[in-house]
C-alpha cells in the first residue's frame, strides 16, 4: 500500500487503480486474520484488532470511491 507519489500528485486514474489494489489487499488481509483467529494462531486480541483495521480501511476506500470498488466482497 506504499505508493511512490503522494495522493495529491496522482492522477484520478492512478488513485482509482491504487484504491482498487489497496482494497483487494485489505480484503485478503482480513480473510487471513479471520483464518488465523479460527485456528487460534496468535494473540486473539491482536488478530481481532488487525482484522478490524483491514475491514475499516476497505470500507473507507469504498466510501471514497463509491461504485468503483466491489462492495459484495467484504
PDB file of N, CA and C in Angstrom:
ATOM      1  N   UNK A   1       0.806  -1.188   0.000  1.00  0.00           N
ATOM      2  CA  UNK A   1       0.000   0.000   0.000  1.00  0.00           C
ATOM      3  C   UNK A   1       0.854   1.259   0.000  1.00  0.00           C
ATOM      4  N   UNK A   2       2.123   1.099  -0.200  1.00  0.00           N
ATOM      5  CA  UNK A   2       3.029   2.230  -0.235  1.00  0.00           C
ATOM      6  C   UNK A   2       3.246   2.630  -1.684  1.00  0.00           C
ATOM      7  N   UNK A   3       2.593   3.703  -2.103  1.00  0.00           N
ATOM      8  CA  UNK A   3       2.711   4.156  -3.480  1.00  0.00           C
ATOM      9  C   UNK A   3       3.691   5.322  -3.534  1.00  0.00           C
ATOM     10  N   UNK A   4       4.458   5.409  -4.611  1.00  0.00           N
ATOM     11  CA  UNK A   4       5.575   6.343  -4.706  1.00  0.00           C
ATOM     12  C   UNK A   4       5.146   7.812  -4.640  1.00  0.00           C
ATOM     13  N   UNK A   5       4.093   8.185  -5.320  1.00  0.00           N
ATOM     14  CA  UNK A   5       3.669   9.581  -5.347  1.00  0.00           C
ATOM     15  C   UNK A   5       2.643   9.863  -4.254  1.00  0.00           C
ATOM     16  N   UNK A   6       2.702  11.043  -3.635  1.00  0.00           N
ATOM     17  CA  UNK A   6       1.655  11.414  -2.676  1.00  0.00           C
ATOM     18  C   UNK A   6       0.297  11.446  -3.372  1.00  0.00           C
ATOM     19  N   UNK A   7      -0.736  11.232  -2.606  1.00  0.00           N
ATOM     20  CA  UNK A   7      -2.088  11.147  -3.151  1.00  0.00           C
ATOM     21  C   UNK A   7      -2.454  12.356  -4.008  1.00  0.00           C
ATOM     22  N   UNK A   8      -2.086  13.544  -3.576  1.00  0.00           N
ATOM     23  CA  UNK A   8      -2.470  14.750  -4.315  1.00  0.00           C
ATOM     24  C   UNK A   8      -1.776  14.867  -5.664  1.00  0.00           C
ATOM     25  N   UNK A   9      -0.655  14.183  -5.854  1.00  0.00           N
ATOM     26  CA  UNK A   9       0.063  14.269  -7.125  1.00  0.00           C
ATOM     27  C   UNK A   9      -0.327  13.174  -8.107  1.00  0.00           C
ATOM     28  N   UNK A  10      -1.115  12.227  -7.681  1.00  0.00           N
ATOM     29  CA  UNK A  10      -1.528  11.152  -8.580  1.00  0.00           C
ATOM     30  C   UNK A  10      -2.738  11.586  -9.398  1.00  0.00           C
ATOM     31  N   UNK A  11      -2.810  11.064 -10.588  1.00  0.00           N
ATOM     32  CA  UNK A  11      -3.971  11.356 -11.434  1.00  0.00           C
ATOM     33  C   UNK A  11      -5.178  10.588 -10.895  1.00  0.00           C
ATOM     34  N   UNK A  12      -6.385  10.997 -11.262  1.00  0.00           N
ATOM     35  CA  UNK A  12      -7.573  10.261 -10.808  1.00  0.00           C
ATOM     36  C   UNK A  12      -7.535   8.779 -11.202  1.00  0.00           C
ATOM     37  N   UNK A  13      -6.990   8.490 -12.368  1.00  0.00           N
ATOM     38  CA  UNK A  13      -6.886   7.095 -12.800  1.00  0.00           C
ATOM     39  C   UNK A  13      -5.934   6.320 -11.898  1.00  0.00           C
ATOM     40  N   UNK A  14      -4.820   6.937 -11.544  1.00  0.00           N
ATOM     41  CA  UNK A  14      -3.871   6.287 -10.635  1.00  0.00           C
ATOM     42  C   UNK A  14      -4.485   6.093  -9.255  1.00  0.00           C
ATOM     43  N   UNK A  15      -5.188   7.117  -8.762  1.00  0.00           N
ATOM     44  CA  UNK A  15      -5.816   6.995  -7.437  1.00  0.00           C
ATOM     45  C   UNK A  15      -6.801   5.841  -7.410  1.00  0.00           C
ATOM     46  N   UNK A  16      -7.599   5.711  -8.461  1.00  0.00           N
ATOM     47  CA  UNK A  16      -8.572   4.622  -8.516  1.00  0.00           C
ATOM     48  C   UNK A  16      -7.874   3.270  -8.606  1.00  0.00           C
ATOM     49  N   UNK A  17      -6.850   3.164  -9.424  1.00  0.00           N
ATOM     50  CA  UNK A  17      -6.113   1.903  -9.552  1.00  0.00           C
ATOM     51  C   UNK A  17      -5.473   1.516  -8.217  1.00  0.00           C
ATOM     52  N   UNK A  18      -4.876   2.479  -7.536  1.00  0.00           N
ATOM     53  CA  UNK A  18      -4.252   2.200  -6.246  1.00  0.00           C
ATOM     54  C   UNK A  18      -5.302   1.860  -5.195  1.00  0.00           C
ATOM     55  N   UNK A  19      -6.446   2.532  -5.247  1.00  0.00           N
ATOM     56  CA  UNK A  19      -7.523   2.223  -4.303  1.00  0.00           C
ATOM     57  C   UNK A  19      -8.013   0.793  -4.518  1.00  0.00           C
ATOM     58  N   UNK A  20      -8.129   0.381  -5.769  1.00  0.00           N
ATOM     59  CA  UNK A  20      -8.552  -0.997  -6.054  1.00  0.00           C
ATOM     60  C   UNK A  20      -7.536  -1.999  -5.510  1.00  0.00           C
ATOM     61  N   UNK A  21      -6.252  -1.719  -5.699  1.00  0.00           N
ATOM     62  CA  UNK A  21      -5.203  -2.606  -5.181  1.00  0.00           C
ATOM     63  C   UNK A  21      -5.243  -2.651  -3.654  1.00  0.00           C
ATOM     64  N   UNK A  22      -5.350  -1.480  -3.035  1.00  0.00           N
ATOM     65  CA  UNK A  22      -5.387  -1.414  -1.575  1.00  0.00           C
ATOM     66  C   UNK A  22      -6.620  -2.115  -1.021  1.00  0.00           C
ATOM     67  N   UNK A  23      -7.753  -1.927  -1.681  1.00  0.00           N
ATOM     68  CA  UNK A  23      -8.996  -2.558  -1.254  1.00  0.00           C
ATOM     69  C   UNK A  23      -8.855  -4.079  -1.305  1.00  0.00           C
ATOM     70  N   UNK A  24      -8.324  -4.584  -2.398  1.00  0.00           N
ATOM     71  CA  UNK A  24      -8.134  -6.031  -2.531  1.00  0.00           C
ATOM     72  C   UNK A  24      -7.160  -6.550  -1.470  1.00  0.00           C
ATOM     73  N   UNK A  25      -6.096  -5.804  -1.220  1.00  0.00           N
ATOM     74  CA  UNK A  25      -5.124  -6.204  -0.200  1.00  0.00           C
ATOM     75  C   UNK A  25      -5.774  -6.250   1.174  1.00  0.00           C
ATOM     76  N   UNK A  26      -6.578  -5.256   1.485  1.00  0.00           N
ATOM     77  CA  UNK A  26      -7.268  -5.225   2.783  1.00  0.00           C
ATOM     78  C   UNK A  26      -8.196  -6.423   2.949  1.00  0.00           C
ATOM     79  N   UNK A  27      -8.900  -6.785   1.903  1.00  0.00           N
ATOM     80  CA  UNK A  27      -9.805  -7.931   1.994  1.00  0.00           C
ATOM     81  C   UNK A  27      -9.036  -9.233   2.188  1.00  0.00           C
ATOM     82  N   UNK A  28      -7.901  -9.361   1.518  1.00  0.00           N
ATOM     83  CA  UNK A  28      -7.061 -10.554   1.693  1.00  0.00           C
ATOM     84  C   UNK A  28      -6.512 -10.607   3.115  1.00  0.00           C
ATOM     85  N   UNK A  29      -6.047  -9.466   3.620  1.00  0.00           N
ATOM     86  CA  UNK A  29      -5.543  -9.419   4.990  1.00  0.00           C
ATOM     87  C   UNK A  29      -6.636  -9.783   5.992  1.00  0.00           C
ATOM     88  N   UNK A  30      -7.824  -9.215   5.815  1.00  0.00           N
ATOM     89  CA  UNK A  30      -8.929  -9.502   6.729  1.00  0.00           C
ATOM     90  C   UNK A  30      -9.256 -10.995   6.729  1.00  0.00           C
ATOM     91  N   UNK A  31      -9.280 -11.593   5.564  1.00  0.00           N
ATOM     92  CA  UNK A  31      -9.551 -13.030   5.474  1.00  0.00           C
ATOM     93  C   UNK A  31      -8.458 -13.832   6.162  1.00  0.00           C
ATOM     94  N   UNK A  32      -7.222 -13.412   5.988  1.00  0.00           N
ATOM     95  CA  UNK A  32      -6.101 -14.098   6.617  1.00  0.00           C
ATOM     96  C   UNK A  32      -6.204 -14.025   8.138  1.00  0.00           C
ATOM     97  N   UNK A  33      -6.536 -12.851   8.650  1.00  0.00           N
ATOM     98  CA  UNK A  33      -6.676 -12.706  10.103  1.00  0.00           C
ATOM     99  C   UNK A  33      -7.841 -13.538  10.631  1.00  0.00           C
ATOM    100  N   UNK A  34      -8.921 -13.610   9.857  1.00  0.00           N
ATOM    101  CA  UNK A  34     -10.075 -14.432  10.255  1.00  0.00           C
ATOM    102  C   UNK A  34      -9.677 -15.898  10.361  1.00  0.00           C
ATOM    103  N   UNK A  35      -8.923 -16.385   9.381  1.00  0.00           N
ATOM    104  CA  UNK A  35      -8.466 -17.778   9.387  1.00  0.00           C
ATOM    105  C   UNK A  35      -7.552 -18.018  10.587  1.00  0.00           C
ATOM    106  N   UNK A  36      -6.627 -17.095  10.818  1.00  0.00           N
ATOM    107  CA  UNK A  36      -5.718 -17.255  11.957  1.00  0.00           C
ATOM    108  C   UNK A  36      -6.481 -17.234  13.275  1.00  0.00           C
ATOM    109  N   UNK A  37      -7.523 -16.410  13.369  1.00  0.00           N
ATOM    110  CA  UNK A  37      -8.348 -16.400  14.578  1.00  0.00           C
ATOM    111  C   UNK A  37      -9.037 -17.746  14.777  1.00  0.00           C
ATOM    112  N   UNK A  38      -9.570 -18.297  13.713  1.00  0.00           N
ATOM    113  CA  UNK A  38     -10.286 -19.572  13.824  1.00  0.00           C
ATOM    114  C   UNK A  38      -9.347 -20.721  14.183  1.00  0.00           C
ATOM    115  N   UNK A  39      -8.085 -20.585  13.807  1.00  0.00           N
ATOM    116  CA  UNK A  39      -7.095 -21.622  14.122  1.00  0.00           C
ATOM    117  C   UNK A  39      -6.363 -21.353  15.441  1.00  0.00           C
ATOM    118  N   UNK A  40      -6.718 -20.266  16.106  1.00  0.00           N
ATOM    119  CA  UNK A  40      -6.049 -19.847  17.345  1.00  0.00           C
ATOM    120  C   UNK A  40      -4.547 -19.708  17.122  1.00  0.00           C
ATOM    121  N   UNK A  41      -4.182 -19.094  16.010  1.00  0.00           N
ATOM    122  CA  UNK A  41      -2.787 -18.910  15.622  1.00  0.00           C
ATOM    123  C   UNK A  41      -2.361 -17.484  15.946  1.00  0.00           C
ATOM    124  N   UNK A  42      -1.936 -17.235  17.180  1.00  0.00           N
ATOM    125  CA  UNK A  42      -1.500 -15.908  17.586  1.00  0.00           C
ATOM    126  C   UNK A  42      -2.387 -15.328  18.673  1.00  0.00           C
ATOM    127  N   UNK A  43      -2.076 -14.103  19.050  1.00  0.00           N
ATOM    128  CA  UNK A  43      -2.826 -13.406  20.091  1.00  0.00           C
ATOM    129  C   UNK A  43      -4.201 -13.005  19.553  1.00  0.00           C
ATOM    130  N   UNK A  44      -5.283 -13.537  20.136  1.00  0.00           N
ATOM    131  CA  UNK A  44      -6.629 -13.246  19.613  1.00  0.00           C
ATOM    132  C   UNK A  44      -6.969 -11.751  19.606  1.00  0.00           C
ATOM    133  N   UNK A  45      -6.580 -11.033  20.646  1.00  0.00           N
ATOM    134  CA  UNK A  45      -6.899  -9.603  20.697  1.00  0.00           C
ATOM    135  C   UNK A  45      -6.183  -8.852  19.582  1.00  0.00           C
ATOM    136  N   UNK A  46      -4.923  -9.184  19.362  1.00  0.00           N
ATOM    137  CA  UNK A  46      -4.150  -8.540  18.298  1.00  0.00           C
ATOM    138  C   UNK A  46      -4.727  -8.873  16.924  1.00  0.00           C
ATOM    139  N   UNK A  47      -5.081 -10.132  16.715  1.00  0.00           N
ATOM    140  CA  UNK A  47      -5.652 -10.535  15.422  1.00  0.00           C
ATOM    141  C   UNK A  47      -6.995  -9.861  15.172  1.00  0.00           C
ATOM    142  N   UNK A  48      -7.824  -9.750  16.216  1.00  0.00           N
ATOM    143  CA  UNK A  48      -9.118  -9.065  16.061  1.00  0.00           C
ATOM    144  C   UNK A  48      -8.914  -7.597  15.710  1.00  0.00           C
ATOM    145  N   UNK A  49      -7.925  -6.970  16.369  1.00  0.00           N
ATOM    146  CA  UNK A  49      -7.649  -5.567  16.090  1.00  0.00           C
ATOM    147  C   UNK A  49      -7.153  -5.387  14.645  1.00  0.00           C
ATOM    148  N   UNK A  50      -6.273  -6.267  14.211  1.00  0.00           N
ATOM    149  CA  UNK A  50      -5.771  -6.187  12.833  1.00  0.00           C
ATOM    150  C   UNK A  50      -6.885  -6.455  11.819  1.00  0.00           C
ATOM    151  N   UNK A  51      -7.739  -7.428  12.107  1.00  0.00           N
ATOM    152  CA  UNK A  51      -8.875  -7.737  11.239  1.00  0.00           C
ATOM    153  C   UNK A  51      -9.783  -6.516  11.115  1.00  0.00           C
ATOM    154  N   UNK A  52     -10.089  -5.889  12.250  1.00  0.00           N
ATOM    155  CA  UNK A  52     -10.976  -4.725  12.229  1.00  0.00           C
ATOM    156  C   UNK A  52     -10.342  -3.575  11.456  1.00  0.00           C
ATOM    157  N   UNK A  53      -9.019  -3.377  11.596  1.00  0.00           N
ATOM    158  CA  UNK A  53      -8.364  -2.322  10.840  1.00  0.00           C
ATOM    159  C   UNK A  53      -8.503  -2.577   9.343  1.00  0.00           C
ATOM    160  N   UNK A  54      -8.257  -3.810   8.911  1.00  0.00           N
ATOM    161  CA  UNK A  54      -8.331  -4.144   7.482  1.00  0.00           C
ATOM    162  C   UNK A  54      -9.745  -3.914   6.941  1.00  0.00           C
ATOM    163  N   UNK A  55     -10.751  -4.346   7.705  1.00  0.00           N
ATOM    164  CA  UNK A  55     -12.139  -4.149   7.278  1.00  0.00           C
ATOM    165  C   UNK A  55     -12.482  -2.664   7.239  1.00  0.00           C
ATOM    166  N   UNK A  56     -12.104  -1.927   8.278  1.00  0.00           N
ATOM    167  CA  UNK A  56     -12.392  -0.490   8.310  1.00  0.00           C
ATOM    168  C   UNK A  56     -11.712   0.251   7.162  1.00  0.00           C
ATOM    169  N   UNK A  57     -10.480  -0.131   6.856  1.00  0.00           N
ATOM    170  CA  UNK A  57      -9.782   0.538   5.751  1.00  0.00           C
ATOM    171  C   UNK A  57     -10.449   0.216   4.407  1.00  0.00           C
ATOM    172  N   UNK A  58     -10.875  -1.018   4.231  1.00  0.00           N
ATOM    173  CA  UNK A  58     -11.589  -1.380   2.996  1.00  0.00           C
ATOM    174  C   UNK A  58     -12.885  -0.573   2.881  1.00  0.00           C
ATOM    175  N   UNK A  59     -13.587  -0.409   3.997  1.00  0.00           N
ATOM    176  CA  UNK A  59     -14.828   0.393   3.986  1.00  0.00           C
ATOM    177  C   UNK A  59     -14.536   1.855   3.678  1.00  0.00           C
ATOM    178  N   UNK A  60     -13.454   2.381   4.237  1.00  0.00           N
ATOM    179  CA  UNK A  60     -13.071   3.766   3.968  1.00  0.00           C
ATOM    180  C   UNK A  60     -12.796   3.965   2.478  1.00  0.00           C
ATOM    181  N   UNK A  61     -12.088   3.029   1.887  1.00  0.00           N
ATOM    182  CA  UNK A  61     -11.811   3.128   0.457  1.00  0.00           C
ATOM    183  C   UNK A  61     -13.089   3.057  -0.365  1.00  0.00           C
ATOM    184  N   UNK A  62     -14.023   2.173   0.020  1.00  0.00           N
ATOM    185  CA  UNK A  62     -15.297   2.090  -0.704  1.00  0.00           C
ATOM    186  C   UNK A  62     -16.076   3.392  -0.584  1.00  0.00           C
ATOM    187  N   UNK A  63     -15.966   4.068   0.572  1.00  0.00           N
ATOM    188  CA  UNK A  63     -16.649   5.343   0.765  1.00  0.00           C
ATOM    189  C   UNK A  63     -16.037   6.424  -0.120  1.00  0.00           C
ATOM    190  N   UNK A  64     -14.716   6.417  -0.250  1.00  0.00           N
ATOM    191  CA  UNK A  64     -14.029   7.421  -1.078  1.00  0.00           C
ATOM    192  C   UNK A  64     -14.265   7.217  -2.566  1.00  0.00           C
ATOM    193  N   UNK A  65     -14.496   5.973  -2.960  1.00  0.00           N
ATOM    194  CA  UNK A  65     -14.701   5.645  -4.381  1.00  0.00           C
ATOM    195  C   UNK A  65     -16.013   4.884  -4.543  1.00  0.00           C
ATOM    196  N   UNK A  66     -17.148   5.569  -4.311  1.00  0.00           N
ATOM    197  CA  UNK A  66     -18.430   4.870  -4.365  1.00  0.00           C
ATOM    198  C   UNK A  66     -18.699   4.293  -5.757  1.00  0.00           C
ATOM    199  N   UNK A  67     -19.112   3.055  -5.777  1.00  0.00           N
ATOM    200  CA  UNK A  67     -19.447   2.382  -7.024  1.00  0.00           C
ATOM    201  C   UNK A  67     -18.252   1.875  -7.816  1.00  0.00           C
ATOM    202  N   UNK A  68     -17.037   2.250  -7.413  1.00  0.00           N
ATOM    203  CA  UNK A  68     -15.847   1.851  -8.175  1.00  0.00           C
ATOM    204  C   UNK A  68     -15.161   0.629  -7.597  1.00  0.00           C
ATOM    205  N   UNK A  69     -15.457   0.324  -6.320  1.00  0.00           N
ATOM    206  CA  UNK A  69     -14.846  -0.839  -5.673  1.00  0.00           C
ATOM    207  C   UNK A  69     -15.947  -1.826  -5.321  1.00  0.00           C
ATOM    208  N   UNK A  70     -15.605  -3.074  -5.314  1.00  0.00           N
ATOM    209  CA  UNK A  70     -16.587  -4.114  -5.056  1.00  0.00           C
ATOM    210  C   UNK A  70     -17.051  -4.075  -3.606  1.00  0.00           C
ATOM    211  N   UNK A  71     -18.336  -3.895  -3.401  1.00  0.00           N
ATOM    212  CA  UNK A  71     -18.899  -3.904  -2.050  1.00  0.00           C
ATOM    213  C   UNK A  71     -19.343  -5.303  -1.649  1.00  0.00           C
ATOM    214  N   UNK A  72     -19.491  -6.189  -2.590  1.00  0.00           N
ATOM    215  CA  UNK A  72     -20.002  -7.524  -2.291  1.00  0.00           C
ATOM    216  C   UNK A  72     -18.953  -8.449  -1.729  1.00  0.00           C
ATOM    217  N   UNK A  73     -17.666  -8.091  -1.822  1.00  0.00           N
ATOM    218  CA  UNK A  73     -16.599  -8.969  -1.353  1.00  0.00           C
ATOM    219  C   UNK A  73     -16.304  -8.836   0.116  1.00  0.00           C
ATOM    220  N   UNK A  74     -16.656  -7.732   0.749  1.00  0.00           N
ATOM    221  CA  UNK A  74     -16.301  -7.531   2.166  1.00  0.00           C
ATOM    222  C   UNK A  74     -17.382  -7.982   3.100  1.00  0.00           C
TER     223      UNK A  74
END
